[in-house]
Amino acid sequence: METTLKVSGMHCPSCEKIISMAAEDVPGAKVLFSDHKTGAVRIYARDEKALIDLKKAIKSEGYKVA
């Protein structure tokens, strides 16, 4: 499934990279696109567990996920 998450706390391209790197550790999940200006993060998650795990990974980096 593809969906767009609203992530707050991103301020620069490095934040986008941190979020992408966090997704690399989540099986079945991948960041397709992120934009620190709008806070939009387009992701792919193969199932609900991957989506939940990806949200946790992003939060563990200090960002808020809506």
Protein backbone atom coordinates (compact mmCIF):
# COMPACT_ATOMS: atom_id res chain seq x y z
CA MET A 1 0.00 0.00 0.00
CA GLU A 2 1.13 3.52 -0.71
CA THR A 3 0.15 6.38 1.55
CA THR A 4 1.28 9.86 2.53
CA LEU A 5 2.24 10.62 6.11
CA LYS A 6 2.34 14.08 7.64
CA VAL A 7 5.65 14.38 9.52
CA SER A 8 6.46 17.43 11.60
CA GLY A 9 9.91 18.44 12.71
CA MET A 10 11.62 18.19 9.33
CA HIS A 11 13.60 21.37 8.64
CA CYS A 12 16.04 20.55 5.85
CA PRO A 13 17.12 17.98 3.25
CA SER A 14 19.14 16.19 5.93
CA CYS A 15 15.89 15.49 7.79
CA GLU A 16 14.53 13.90 4.62
CA LYS A 17 17.61 11.67 4.47
CA ILE A 18 17.30 10.67 8.13
CA ILE A 19 13.72 9.58 7.55
CA SER A 20 14.69 7.59 4.46
CA MET A 21 17.50 5.90 6.36
CA ALA A 22 15.14 5.00 9.23
CA ALA A 23 12.89 3.26 6.70
CA GLU A 24 15.80 1.10 5.47
CA ASP A 25 15.67 -0.81 8.77
CA VAL A 26 11.96 -1.63 8.44
CA PRO A 27 11.21 -4.80 6.45
CA GLY A 28 8.53 -4.22 3.84
CA ALA A 29 8.61 -0.42 4.05
CA LYS A 30 10.22 2.25 1.91
CA VAL A 31 10.14 6.04 1.64
CA LEU A 32 9.23 6.99 -1.92
CA PHE A 33 9.36 10.77 -1.51
CA SER A 34 9.72 13.28 1.30
CA ASP A 35 9.48 17.06 1.40
CA HIS A 36 10.70 18.95 4.45
CA LYS A 37 8.92 22.11 3.30
CA THR A 38 5.46 20.56 3.42
CA GLY A 39 6.12 17.71 5.86
CA ALA A 40 4.76 15.20 3.37
CA VAL A 41 6.35 11.75 3.30
CA ARG A 42 5.08 9.34 0.64
CA ILE A 43 5.73 5.76 1.69
CA TYR A 44 5.18 2.20 0.61
CA ALA A 45 4.31 -0.41 3.23
CA ARG A 46 3.55 -3.99 2.25
CA ASP A 47 1.12 -4.40 5.17
CA GLU A 48 -0.22 -2.76 8.34
CA LYS A 49 2.67 -4.07 10.47
CA ALA A 50 5.24 -2.47 8.15
CA LEU A 51 3.32 0.81 8.31
CA ILE A 52 3.22 0.76 12.11
CA ASP A 53 6.91 -0.17 12.31
CA LEU A 54 7.83 2.62 9.89
CA LYS A 55 5.93 5.19 11.95
CA LYS A 56 7.76 3.99 15.06
CA ALA A 57 11.11 4.25 13.26
CA ILE A 58 10.37 7.83 12.19
CA LYS A 59 9.27 8.75 15.71
CA SER A 60 12.43 7.21 17.16
CA GLU A 61 14.42 9.73 15.12
CA GLY A 62 12.62 12.59 16.92
CA TYR A 63 9.89 13.43 14.43
CA LYS A 64 6.14 13.47 14.94
CA VAL A 65 3.92 11.44 12.62
CA ALA A 66 0.26 12.30 12.09
